[in-house]
């Protein structure tokens, strides 16, 4: 579903991501955790195309999206909800997630082994 190979990204001369490799299978839920300044947001921004990758490859369902602009990546299923932003402030987190499931023909948040 999502595969990242040797992804590097930087702010000017300051390299933040150093050869990131990541694979997410269909139906798998992955959490990205770490202290402030460890590159979590930079990784997400690089995946969705807001911040260009210096090197590496981003694959979605076997298609290389690395050179695509943000809206083209969204059309292929990549999205990002930043921390602290409430999409629909009166809804719960679960309800906010469920609003995005309609495009996938689903009604409930998938349950994984947590």
PDB file of N, CA and C in Angstrom:
ATOM      1  N   UNK A   1       0.823  -1.192   0.000  1.00  0.00           N
ATOM      2  CA  UNK A   1       0.000   0.000   0.000  1.00  0.00           C
ATOM      3  C   UNK A   1       0.868   1.258   0.000  1.00  0.00           C
ATOM      4  N   UNK A   2       1.782   1.387   0.977  1.00  0.00           N
ATOM      5  CA  UNK A   2       2.716   2.516   1.024  1.00  0.00           C
ATOM      6  C   UNK A   2       4.115   1.971   1.256  1.00  0.00           C
ATOM      7  N   UNK A   3       5.027   2.388   0.404  1.00  0.00           N
ATOM      8  CA  UNK A   3       6.418   1.993   0.591  1.00  0.00           C
ATOM      9  C   UNK A   3       7.309   3.215   0.390  1.00  0.00           C
ATOM     10  N   UNK A   4       8.185   3.442   1.335  1.00  0.00           N
ATOM     11  CA  UNK A   4       9.129   4.547   1.284  1.00  0.00           C
ATOM     12  C   UNK A   4      10.525   3.935   1.259  1.00  0.00           C
ATOM     13  N   UNK A   5      11.333   4.387   0.299  1.00  0.00           N
ATOM     14  CA  UNK A   5      12.681   3.831   0.137  1.00  0.00           C
ATOM     15  C   UNK A   5      13.729   4.943   0.170  1.00  0.00           C
ATOM     16  N   UNK A   6      14.640   4.865   1.125  1.00  0.00           N
ATOM     17  CA  UNK A   6      15.800   5.747   1.218  1.00  0.00           C
ATOM     18  C   UNK A   6      15.434   7.235   1.112  1.00  0.00           C
ATOM     19  N   UNK A   7      14.380   7.644   1.781  1.00  0.00           N
ATOM     20  CA  UNK A   7      13.897   9.022   1.711  1.00  0.00           C
ATOM     21  C   UNK A   7      14.776   9.949   2.537  1.00  0.00           C
ATOM     22  N   UNK A   8      15.237  11.017   1.902  1.00  0.00           N
ATOM     23  CA  UNK A   8      15.963  12.065   2.616  1.00  0.00           C
ATOM     24  C   UNK A   8      15.283  13.394   2.315  1.00  0.00           C
ATOM     25  N   UNK A   9      15.285  14.276   3.310  1.00  0.00           N
ATOM     26  CA  UNK A   9      14.659  15.584   3.162  1.00  0.00           C
ATOM     27  C   UNK A   9      15.377  16.566   4.064  1.00  0.00           C
ATOM     28  N   UNK A  10      15.345  17.841   3.686  1.00  0.00           N
ATOM     29  CA  UNK A  10      16.109  18.835   4.442  1.00  0.00           C
ATOM     30  C   UNK A  10      15.438  20.196   4.393  1.00  0.00           C
ATOM     31  N   UNK A  11      15.753  20.987   5.406  1.00  0.00           N
ATOM     32  CA  UNK A  11      15.403  22.401   5.432  1.00  0.00           C
ATOM     33  C   UNK A  11      16.690  23.146   5.107  1.00  0.00           C
ATOM     34  N   UNK A  12      16.824  23.625   3.885  1.00  0.00           N
ATOM     35  CA  UNK A  12      18.063  24.274   3.464  1.00  0.00           C
ATOM     36  C   UNK A  12      19.221  23.291   3.540  1.00  0.00           C
ATOM     37  N   UNK A  13      20.259  23.650   4.291  1.00  0.00           N
ATOM     38  CA  UNK A  13      21.430  22.793   4.435  1.00  0.00           C
ATOM     39  C   UNK A  13      21.281  21.783   5.570  1.00  0.00           C
ATOM     40  N   UNK A  14      20.213  21.897   6.339  1.00  0.00           N
ATOM     41  CA  UNK A  14      20.013  21.023   7.500  1.00  0.00           C
ATOM     42  C   UNK A  14      19.186  19.792   7.118  1.00  0.00           C
ATOM     43  N   UNK A  15      19.869  18.670   6.916  1.00  0.00           N
ATOM     44  CA  UNK A  15      19.179  17.433   6.567  1.00  0.00           C
ATOM     45  C   UNK A  15      18.458  16.883   7.795  1.00  0.00           C
ATOM     46  N   UNK A  16      17.177  16.591   7.630  1.00  0.00           N
ATOM     47  CA  UNK A  16      16.347  16.126   8.743  1.00  0.00           C
ATOM     48  C   UNK A  16      16.054  14.636   8.633  1.00  0.00           C
ATOM     49  N   UNK A  17      15.713  14.188   7.448  1.00  0.00           N
ATOM     50  CA  UNK A  17      15.450  12.761   7.228  1.00  0.00           C
ATOM     51  C   UNK A  17      16.655  12.145   6.544  1.00  0.00           C
ATOM     52  N   UNK A  18      17.112  11.025   7.076  1.00  0.00           N
ATOM     53  CA  UNK A  18      18.326  10.374   6.587  1.00  0.00           C
ATOM     54  C   UNK A  18      18.019   8.946   6.150  1.00  0.00           C
ATOM     55  N   UNK A  19      17.653   8.732   4.903  1.00  0.00           N
ATOM     56  CA  UNK A  19      17.473   7.379   4.382  1.00  0.00           C
ATOM     57  C   UNK A  19      16.348   6.598   5.035  1.00  0.00           C
ATOM     58  N   UNK A  20      15.165   7.178   5.114  1.00  0.00           N
ATOM     59  CA  UNK A  20      14.015   6.521   5.743  1.00  0.00           C
ATOM     60  C   UNK A  20      13.483   5.412   4.844  1.00  0.00           C
ATOM     61  N   UNK A  21      13.299   4.234   5.428  1.00  0.00           N
ATOM     62  CA  UNK A  21      12.647   3.104   4.770  1.00  0.00           C
ATOM     63  C   UNK A  21      11.430   2.741   5.596  1.00  0.00           C
ATOM     64  N   UNK A  22      10.291   2.591   4.933  1.00  0.00           N
ATOM     65  CA  UNK A  22       9.033   2.320   5.628  1.00  0.00           C
ATOM     66  C   UNK A  22       8.110   1.558   4.698  1.00  0.00           C
ATOM     67  N   UNK A  23       7.409   0.576   5.257  1.00  0.00           N
ATOM     68  CA  UNK A  23       6.439  -0.176   4.472  1.00  0.00           C
ATOM     69  C   UNK A  23       5.171  -0.345   5.300  1.00  0.00           C
ATOM     70  N   UNK A  24       4.039  -0.006   4.696  1.00  0.00           N
ATOM     71  CA  UNK A  24       2.739  -0.156   5.353  1.00  0.00           C
ATOM     72  C   UNK A  24       1.874  -1.009   4.437  1.00  0.00           C
ATOM     73  N   UNK A  25       1.411  -2.123   4.971  1.00  0.00           N
ATOM     74  CA  UNK A  25       0.588  -3.059   4.201  1.00  0.00           C
ATOM     75  C   UNK A  25      -0.891  -2.668   4.281  1.00  0.00           C
ATOM     76  N   UNK A  26      -1.705  -3.101   3.324  1.00  0.00           N
ATOM     77  CA  UNK A  26      -3.140  -2.809   3.376  1.00  0.00           C
ATOM     78  C   UNK A  26      -3.758  -3.286   4.698  1.00  0.00           C
ATOM     79  N   UNK A  27      -4.558  -2.440   5.302  1.00  0.00           N
ATOM     80  CA  UNK A  27      -5.220  -2.779   6.560  1.00  0.00           C
ATOM     81  C   UNK A  27      -4.359  -2.582   7.792  1.00  0.00           C
ATOM     82  N   UNK A  28      -3.097  -2.296   7.612  1.00  0.00           N
ATOM     83  CA  UNK A  28      -2.182  -2.113   8.731  1.00  0.00           C
ATOM     84  C   UNK A  28      -2.289  -0.687   9.258  1.00  0.00           C
ATOM     85  N   UNK A  29      -2.212  -0.544  10.567  1.00  0.00           N
ATOM     86  CA  UNK A  29      -2.228   0.764  11.213  1.00  0.00           C
ATOM     87  C   UNK A  29      -0.847   0.998  11.812  1.00  0.00           C
ATOM     88  N   UNK A  30      -0.255   2.120  11.479  1.00  0.00           N
ATOM     89  CA  UNK A  30       1.092   2.440  11.934  1.00  0.00           C
ATOM     90  C   UNK A  30       1.060   3.763  12.679  1.00  0.00           C
ATOM     91  N   UNK A  31       1.727   3.814  13.819  1.00  0.00           N
ATOM     92  CA  UNK A  31       1.844   5.054  14.591  1.00  0.00           C
ATOM     93  C   UNK A  31       3.288   5.531  14.521  1.00  0.00           C
ATOM     94  N   UNK A  32       3.457   6.814  14.322  1.00  0.00           N
ATOM     95  CA  UNK A  32       4.778   7.427  14.280  1.00  0.00           C
ATOM     96  C   UNK A  32       4.919   8.281  15.534  1.00  0.00           C
ATOM     97  N   UNK A  33       5.848   7.904  16.400  1.00  0.00           N
ATOM     98  CA  UNK A  33       6.031   8.613  17.666  1.00  0.00           C
ATOM     99  C   UNK A  33       7.491   9.030  17.832  1.00  0.00           C
ATOM    100  N   UNK A  34       7.701  10.050  18.626  1.00  0.00           N
ATOM    101  CA  UNK A  34       9.057  10.519  18.900  1.00  0.00           C
ATOM    102  C   UNK A  34       9.019  11.891  19.540  1.00  0.00           C
ATOM    103  N   UNK A  35      10.160  12.297  20.063  1.00  0.00           N
ATOM    104  CA  UNK A  35      10.273  13.610  20.703  1.00  0.00           C
ATOM    105  C   UNK A  35      10.163  14.727  19.669  1.00  0.00           C
ATOM    106  N   UNK A  36       9.957  15.945  20.163  1.00  0.00           N
ATOM    107  CA  UNK A  36       9.948  17.119  19.293  1.00  0.00           C
ATOM    108  C   UNK A  36      11.259  17.202  18.523  1.00  0.00           C
ATOM    109  N   UNK A  37      11.151  17.564  17.256  1.00  0.00           N
ATOM    110  CA  UNK A  37      12.343  17.755  16.443  1.00  0.00           C
ATOM    111  C   UNK A  37      12.957  16.501  15.863  1.00  0.00           C
ATOM    112  N   UNK A  38      12.271  15.370  15.989  1.00  0.00           N
ATOM    113  CA  UNK A  38      12.829  14.115  15.486  1.00  0.00           C
ATOM    114  C   UNK A  38      12.504  13.850  14.010  1.00  0.00           C
ATOM    115  N   UNK A  39      11.630  14.670  13.388  1.00  0.00           N
ATOM    116  CA  UNK A  39      11.343  14.524  11.967  1.00  0.00           C
ATOM    117  C   UNK A  39       9.989  13.932  11.623  1.00  0.00           C
ATOM    118  N   UNK A  40       9.106  13.774  12.608  1.00  0.00           N
ATOM    119  CA  UNK A  40       7.782  13.184  12.333  1.00  0.00           C
ATOM    120  C   UNK A  40       6.997  14.033  11.332  1.00  0.00           C
ATOM    121  N   UNK A  41       6.871  15.314  11.608  1.00  0.00           N
ATOM    122  CA  UNK A  41       6.128  16.208  10.713  1.00  0.00           C
ATOM    123  C   UNK A  41       6.833  16.355   9.374  1.00  0.00           C
ATOM    124  N   UNK A  42       8.142  16.390   9.393  1.00  0.00           N
ATOM    125  CA  UNK A  42       8.898  16.480   8.142  1.00  0.00           C
ATOM    126  C   UNK A  42       8.647  15.260   7.269  1.00  0.00           C
ATOM    127  N   UNK A  43       8.598  14.086   7.869  1.00  0.00           N
ATOM    128  CA  UNK A  43       8.289  12.875   7.112  1.00  0.00           C
ATOM    129  C   UNK A  43       6.906  12.988   6.478  1.00  0.00           C
ATOM    130  N   UNK A  44       5.921  13.399   7.268  1.00  0.00           N
ATOM    131  CA  UNK A  44       4.560  13.506   6.731  1.00  0.00           C
ATOM    132  C   UNK A  44       4.492  14.544   5.608  1.00  0.00           C
ATOM    133  N   UNK A  45       5.148  15.685   5.800  1.00  0.00           N
ATOM    134  CA  UNK A  45       5.163  16.725   4.766  1.00  0.00           C
ATOM    135  C   UNK A  45       5.860  16.239   3.500  1.00  0.00           C
ATOM    136  N   UNK A  46       6.891  15.433   3.659  1.00  0.00           N
ATOM    137  CA  UNK A  46       7.584  14.870   2.498  1.00  0.00           C
ATOM    138  C   UNK A  46       6.703  13.855   1.776  1.00  0.00           C
ATOM    139  N   UNK A  47       5.974  13.041   2.533  1.00  0.00           N
ATOM    140  CA  UNK A  47       5.100  12.042   1.920  1.00  0.00           C
ATOM    141  C   UNK A  47       4.003  12.686   1.079  1.00  0.00           C
ATOM    142  N   UNK A  48       3.430  13.785   1.581  1.00  0.00           N
ATOM    143  CA  UNK A  48       2.317  14.403   0.847  1.00  0.00           C
ATOM    144  C   UNK A  48       2.772  15.433  -0.182  1.00  0.00           C
ATOM    145  N   UNK A  49       4.078  15.724  -0.242  1.00  0.00           N
ATOM    146  CA  UNK A  49       4.599  16.600  -1.276  1.00  0.00           C
ATOM    147  C   UNK A  49       4.686  18.063  -0.909  1.00  0.00           C
ATOM    148  N   UNK A  50       4.395  18.417   0.329  1.00  0.00           N
ATOM    149  CA  UNK A  50       4.519  19.807   0.768  1.00  0.00           C
ATOM    150  C   UNK A  50       5.996  20.182   0.864  1.00  0.00           C
ATOM    151  N   UNK A  51       6.797  19.226   1.262  1.00  0.00           N
ATOM    152  CA  UNK A  51       8.244  19.405   1.353  1.00  0.00           C
ATOM    153  C   UNK A  51       8.890  18.399   0.407  1.00  0.00           C
ATOM    154  N   UNK A  52       9.672  18.871  -0.556  1.00  0.00           N
ATOM    155  CA  UNK A  52      10.242  17.928  -1.521  1.00  0.00           C
ATOM    156  C   UNK A  52      11.304  17.023  -0.901  1.00  0.00           C
ATOM    157  N   UNK A  53      11.294  15.802  -1.344  1.00  0.00           N
ATOM    158  CA  UNK A  53      12.334  14.851  -0.936  1.00  0.00           C
ATOM    159  C   UNK A  53      13.590  15.146  -1.745  1.00  0.00           C
ATOM    160  N   UNK A  54      14.747  15.059  -1.089  1.00  0.00           N
ATOM    161  CA  UNK A  54      16.013  15.232  -1.820  1.00  0.00           C
ATOM    162  C   UNK A  54      16.360  13.969  -2.578  1.00  0.00           C
ATOM    163  N   UNK A  55      16.183  12.833  -1.922  1.00  0.00           N
ATOM    164  CA  UNK A  55      16.424  11.549  -2.569  1.00  0.00           C
ATOM    165  C   UNK A  55      15.366  10.575  -2.070  1.00  0.00           C
ATOM    166  N   UNK A  56      15.289   9.447  -2.729  1.00  0.00           N
ATOM    167  CA  UNK A  56      14.391   8.389  -2.293  1.00  0.00           C
ATOM    168  C   UNK A  56      13.172   8.263  -3.175  1.00  0.00           C
ATOM    169  N   UNK A  57      12.302   7.373  -2.756  1.00  0.00           N
ATOM    170  CA  UNK A  57      11.134   7.031  -3.554  1.00  0.00           C
ATOM    171  C   UNK A  57       9.946   6.795  -2.634  1.00  0.00           C
ATOM    172  N   UNK A  58       8.783   7.279  -3.050  1.00  0.00           N
ATOM    173  CA  UNK A  58       7.533   7.078  -2.320  1.00  0.00           C
ATOM    174  C   UNK A  58       6.573   6.364  -3.262  1.00  0.00           C
ATOM    175  N   UNK A  59       6.162   5.163  -2.854  1.00  0.00           N
ATOM    176  CA  UNK A  59       5.286   4.337  -3.686  1.00  0.00           C
ATOM    177  C   UNK A  59       3.933   4.167  -2.996  1.00  0.00           C
ATOM    178  N   UNK A  60       2.856   4.336  -3.753  1.00  0.00           N
ATOM    179  CA  UNK A  60       1.502   4.096  -3.259  1.00  0.00           C
ATOM    180  C   UNK A  60       0.861   3.069  -4.184  1.00  0.00           C
ATOM    181  N   UNK A  61       0.504   1.933  -3.635  1.00  0.00           N
ATOM    182  CA  UNK A  61      -0.084   0.843  -4.416  1.00  0.00           C
ATOM    183  C   UNK A  61       0.750   0.525  -5.659  1.00  0.00           C
ATOM    184  N   UNK A  62       2.073   0.527  -5.487  1.00  0.00           N
ATOM    185  CA  UNK A  62       2.968   0.160  -6.577  1.00  0.00           C
ATOM    186  C   UNK A  62       3.277   1.278  -7.559  1.00  0.00           C
ATOM    187  N   UNK A  63       2.711   2.460  -7.364  1.00  0.00           N
ATOM    188  CA  UNK A  63       2.948   3.593  -8.250  1.00  0.00           C
ATOM    189  C   UNK A  63       3.875   4.595  -7.575  1.00  0.00           C
ATOM    190  N   UNK A  64       4.904   5.020  -8.282  1.00  0.00           N
ATOM    191  CA  UNK A  64       5.840   6.012  -7.751  1.00  0.00           C
ATOM    192  C   UNK A  64       5.166   7.383  -7.784  1.00  0.00           C
ATOM    193  N   UNK A  65       4.987   7.992  -6.608  1.00  0.00           N
ATOM    194  CA  UNK A  65       4.348   9.306  -6.512  1.00  0.00           C
ATOM    195  C   UNK A  65       5.350  10.398  -6.129  1.00  0.00           C
ATOM    196  N   UNK A  66       6.624  10.051  -6.060  1.00  0.00           N
ATOM    197  CA  UNK A  66       7.652  10.968  -5.577  1.00  0.00           C
ATOM    198  C   UNK A  66       7.662  12.293  -6.330  1.00  0.00           C
ATOM    199  N   UNK A  67       7.459  12.275  -7.623  1.00  0.00           N
ATOM    200  CA  UNK A  67       7.535  13.501  -8.416  1.00  0.00           C
ATOM    201  C   UNK A  67       6.177  14.186  -8.595  1.00  0.00           C
ATOM    202  N   UNK A  68       5.118  13.616  -8.034  1.00  0.00           N
ATOM    203  CA  UNK A  68       3.788  14.206  -8.185  1.00  0.00           C
ATOM    204  C   UNK A  68       3.586  15.369  -7.221  1.00  0.00           C
ATOM    205  N   UNK A  69       2.748  16.320  -7.622  1.00  0.00           N
ATOM    206  CA  UNK A  69       2.403  17.437  -6.740  1.00  0.00           C
ATOM    207  C   UNK A  69       1.367  16.968  -5.717  1.00  0.00           C
ATOM    208  N   UNK A  70       1.158  17.778  -4.697  1.00  0.00           N
ATOM    209  CA  UNK A  70       0.332  17.388  -3.559  1.00  0.00           C
ATOM    210  C   UNK A  70      -1.055  16.892  -3.950  1.00  0.00           C
ATOM    211  N   UNK A  71      -1.785  17.635  -4.759  1.00  0.00           N
ATOM    212  CA  UNK A  71      -3.164  17.222  -5.089  1.00  0.00           C
ATOM    213  C   UNK A  71      -3.196  15.909  -5.866  1.00  0.00           C
ATOM    214  N   UNK A  72      -2.145  15.609  -6.619  1.00  0.00           N
ATOM    215  CA  UNK A  72      -2.082  14.327  -7.324  1.00  0.00           C
ATOM    216  C   UNK A  72      -1.838  13.182  -6.340  1.00  0.00           C
ATOM    217  N   UNK A  73      -1.071  13.446  -5.288  1.00  0.00           N
ATOM    218  CA  UNK A  73      -0.841  12.431  -4.261  1.00  0.00           C
ATOM    219  C   UNK A  73      -2.120  12.173  -3.473  1.00  0.00           C
ATOM    220  N   UNK A  74      -2.873  13.225  -3.192  1.00  0.00           N
ATOM    221  CA  UNK A  74      -4.158  13.071  -2.496  1.00  0.00           C
ATOM    222  C   UNK A  74      -5.085  12.183  -3.327  1.00  0.00           C
ATOM    223  N   UNK A  75      -5.122  12.402  -4.620  1.00  0.00           N
ATOM    224  CA  UNK A  75      -5.972  11.598  -5.503  1.00  0.00           C
ATOM    225  C   UNK A  75      -5.590  10.121  -5.481  1.00  0.00           C
ATOM    226  N   UNK A  76      -4.352   9.829  -5.098  1.00  0.00           N
ATOM    227  CA  UNK A  76      -3.884   8.441  -5.010  1.00  0.00           C
ATOM    228  C   UNK A  76      -3.972   7.883  -3.597  1.00  0.00           C
ATOM    229  N   UNK A  77      -4.527   8.672  -2.663  1.00  0.00           N
ATOM    230  CA  UNK A  77      -4.804   8.150  -1.333  1.00  0.00           C
ATOM    231  C   UNK A  77      -3.936   8.653  -0.207  1.00  0.00           C
ATOM    232  N   UNK A  78      -2.993   9.575  -0.475  1.00  0.00           N
ATOM    233  CA  UNK A  78      -2.162  10.111   0.604  1.00  0.00           C
ATOM    234  C   UNK A  78      -2.811  11.349   1.205  1.00  0.00           C
ATOM    235  N   UNK A  79      -2.805  11.414   2.520  1.00  0.00           N
ATOM    236  CA  UNK A  79      -3.333  12.576   3.211  1.00  0.00           C
ATOM    237  C   UNK A  79      -2.658  12.734   4.555  1.00  0.00           C
ATOM    238  N   UNK A  80      -2.865  13.874   5.179  1.00  0.00           N
ATOM    239  CA  UNK A  80      -2.187  14.201   6.435  1.00  0.00           C
ATOM    240  C   UNK A  80      -3.079  15.113   7.257  1.00  0.00           C
ATOM    241  N   UNK A  81      -3.312  14.741   8.507  1.00  0.00           N
ATOM    242  CA  UNK A  81      -4.042  15.587   9.444  1.00  0.00           C
ATOM    243  C   UNK A  81      -3.061  15.975  10.528  1.00  0.00           C
ATOM    244  N   UNK A  82      -2.600  17.237  10.550  1.00  0.00           N
ATOM    245  CA  UNK A  82      -1.589  17.634  11.526  1.00  0.00           C
ATOM    246  C   UNK A  82      -2.110  17.658  12.955  1.00  0.00           C
ATOM    247  N   UNK A  83      -1.194  17.456  13.884  1.00  0.00           N
ATOM    248  CA  UNK A  83      -1.519  17.476  15.308  1.00  0.00           C
ATOM    249  C   UNK A  83      -2.090  18.831  15.688  1.00  0.00           C
ATOM    250  N   UNK A  84      -3.083  18.802  16.579  1.00  0.00           N
ATOM    251  CA  UNK A  84      -3.631  20.031  17.117  1.00  0.00           C
ATOM    252  C   UNK A  84      -4.669  20.689  16.240  1.00  0.00           C
ATOM    253  N   UNK A  85      -4.915  20.150  15.073  1.00  0.00           N
ATOM    254  CA  UNK A  85      -5.924  20.728  14.190  1.00  0.00           C
ATOM    255  C   UNK A  85      -7.190  19.897  14.294  1.00  0.00           C
ATOM    256  N   UNK A  86      -8.280  20.538  14.548  1.00  0.00           N
ATOM    257  CA  UNK A  86      -9.551  19.820  14.572  1.00  0.00           C
ATOM    258  C   UNK A  86     -10.241  20.051  13.238  1.00  0.00           C
ATOM    259  N   UNK A  87     -10.477  18.981  12.523  1.00  0.00           N
ATOM    260  CA  UNK A  87     -11.152  19.106  11.245  1.00  0.00           C
ATOM    261  C   UNK A  87     -12.591  19.538  11.492  1.00  0.00           C
ATOM    262  N   UNK A  88     -13.318  18.753  12.273  1.00  0.00           N
ATOM    263  CA  UNK A  88     -14.660  19.107  12.699  1.00  0.00           C
ATOM    264  C   UNK A  88     -14.638  19.119  14.217  1.00  0.00           C
ATOM    265  N   UNK A  89     -14.533  20.305  14.798  1.00  0.00           N
ATOM    266  CA  UNK A  89     -14.303  20.468  16.224  1.00  0.00           C
ATOM    267  C   UNK A  89     -15.357  19.895  17.146  1.00  0.00           C
ATOM    268  N   UNK A  90     -16.577  19.734  16.649  1.00  0.00           N
ATOM    269  CA  UNK A  90     -17.639  19.199  17.508  1.00  0.00           C
ATOM    270  C   UNK A  90     -17.698  17.678  17.479  1.00  0.00           C
ATOM    271  N   UNK A  91     -16.900  17.049  16.602  1.00  0.00           N
ATOM    272  CA  UNK A  91     -16.889  15.588  16.494  1.00  0.00           C
ATOM    273  C   UNK A  91     -15.745  15.005  17.310  1.00  0.00           C
ATOM    274  N   UNK A  92     -15.898  13.747  17.699  1.00  0.00           N
ATOM    275  CA  UNK A  92     -14.816  13.029  18.374  1.00  0.00           C
ATOM    276  C   UNK A  92     -13.740  12.673  17.353  1.00  0.00           C
ATOM    277  N   UNK A  93     -12.587  12.205  17.818  1.00  0.00           N
ATOM    278  CA  UNK A  93     -11.529  11.765  16.916  1.00  0.00           C
ATOM    279  C   UNK A  93     -12.055  10.663  16.005  1.00  0.00           C
ATOM    280  N   UNK A  94     -12.742   9.693  16.591  1.00  0.00           N
ATOM    281  CA  UNK A  94     -13.307   8.581  15.812  1.00  0.00           C
ATOM    282  C   UNK A  94     -14.258   9.102  14.734  1.00  0.00           C
ATOM    283  N   UNK A  95     -15.115  10.034  15.102  1.00  0.00           N
ATOM    284  CA  UNK A  95     -16.075  10.583  14.136  1.00  0.00           C
ATOM    285  C   UNK A  95     -15.364  11.355  13.029  1.00  0.00           C
ATOM    286  N   UNK A  96     -14.289  12.071  13.362  1.00  0.00           N
ATOM    287  CA  UNK A  96     -13.510  12.773  12.347  1.00  0.00           C
ATOM    288  C   UNK A  96     -12.915  11.787  11.356  1.00  0.00           C
ATOM    289  N   UNK A  97     -12.383  10.664  11.847  1.00  0.00           N
ATOM    290  CA  UNK A  97     -11.808   9.645  10.972  1.00  0.00           C
ATOM    291  C   UNK A  97     -12.894   9.035  10.088  1.00  0.00           C
ATOM    292  N   UNK A  98     -14.045   8.786  10.674  1.00  0.00           N
ATOM    293  CA  UNK A  98     -15.147   8.172   9.910  1.00  0.00           C
ATOM    294  C   UNK A  98     -15.600   9.053   8.746  1.00  0.00           C
ATOM    295  N   UNK A  99     -15.453  10.363   8.858  1.00  0.00           N
ATOM    296  CA  UNK A  99     -15.868  11.235   7.752  1.00  0.00           C
ATOM    297  C   UNK A  99     -15.054  10.961   6.491  1.00  0.00           C
ATOM    298  N   UNK A 100     -13.807  10.514   6.645  1.00  0.00           N
ATOM    299  CA  UNK A 100     -12.972  10.210   5.496  1.00  0.00           C
ATOM    300  C   UNK A 100     -13.166   8.818   4.930  1.00  0.00           C
ATOM    301  N   UNK A 101     -13.879   7.967   5.652  1.00  0.00           N
ATOM    302  CA  UNK A 101     -14.062   6.585   5.198  1.00  0.00           C
ATOM    303  C   UNK A 101     -15.053   6.462   4.050  1.00  0.00           C
ATOM    304  N   UNK A 102     -15.923   7.434   3.905  1.00  0.00           N
ATOM    305  CA  UNK A 102     -16.974   7.354   2.890  1.00  0.00           C
ATOM    306  C   UNK A 102     -16.389   7.179   1.482  1.00  0.00           C
ATOM    307  N   UNK A 103     -15.250   7.814   1.203  1.00  0.00           N
ATOM    308  CA  UNK A 103     -14.649   7.694  -0.129  1.00  0.00           C
ATOM    309  C   UNK A 103     -14.123   6.297  -0.390  1.00  0.00           C
ATOM    310  N   UNK A 104     -13.930   5.521   0.670  1.00  0.00           N
ATOM    311  CA  UNK A 104     -13.467   4.139   0.527  1.00  0.00           C
ATOM    312  C   UNK A 104     -14.622   3.144   0.634  1.00  0.00           C
ATOM    313  N   UNK A 105     -15.861   3.669   0.715  1.00  0.00           N
ATOM    314  CA  UNK A 105     -17.022   2.795   0.785  1.00  0.00           C
ATOM    315  C   UNK A 105     -17.168   2.095   2.132  1.00  0.00           C
ATOM    316  N   UNK A 106     -16.597   2.671   3.165  1.00  0.00           N
ATOM    317  CA  UNK A 106     -16.639   2.079   4.497  1.00  0.00           C
ATOM    318  C   UNK A 106     -17.422   2.992   5.443  1.00  0.00           C
ATOM    319  N   UNK A 107     -17.875   2.420   6.554  1.00  0.00           N
ATOM    320  CA  UNK A 107     -18.624   3.215   7.520  1.00  0.00           C
ATOM    321  C   UNK A 107     -17.993   3.202   8.911  1.00  0.00           C
ATOM    322  N   UNK A 108     -17.118   2.227   9.177  1.00  0.00           N
ATOM    323  CA  UNK A 108     -16.526   2.103  10.510  1.00  0.00           C
ATOM    324  C   UNK A 108     -15.010   2.121  10.437  1.00  0.00           C
ATOM    325  N   UNK A 109     -14.397   2.636  11.487  1.00  0.00           N
ATOM    326  CA  UNK A 109     -12.949   2.669  11.589  1.00  0.00           C
ATOM    327  C   UNK A 109     -12.450   1.228  11.738  1.00  0.00           C
ATOM    328  N   UNK A 110     -11.485   0.809  10.886  1.00  0.00           N
ATOM    329  CA  UNK A 110     -10.961  -0.558  11.009  1.00  0.00           C
ATOM    330  C   UNK A 110     -10.335  -0.789  12.371  1.00  0.00           C
ATOM    331  N   UNK A 111     -10.540  -1.957  12.929  1.00  0.00           N
ATOM    332  CA  UNK A 111      -9.976  -2.321  14.224  1.00  0.00           C
ATOM    333  C   UNK A 111      -8.752  -3.195  13.992  1.00  0.00           C
ATOM    334  N   UNK A 112      -7.652  -2.826  14.621  1.00  0.00           N
ATOM    335  CA  UNK A 112      -6.426  -3.600  14.489  1.00  0.00           C
ATOM    336  C   UNK A 112      -6.032  -4.165  15.842  1.00  0.00           C
ATOM    337  N   UNK A 113      -4.940  -4.851  15.881  1.00  0.00           N
ATOM    338  CA  UNK A 113      -4.391  -5.363  17.144  1.00  0.00           C
ATOM    339  C   UNK A 113      -3.587  -4.274  17.806  1.00  0.00           C
ATOM    340  N   UNK A 114      -4.164  -3.609  18.769  1.00  0.00           N
ATOM    341  CA  UNK A 114      -3.493  -2.501  19.439  1.00  0.00           C
ATOM    342  C   UNK A 114      -2.888  -2.946  20.726  1.00  0.00           C
TER     343      UNK A 114
END
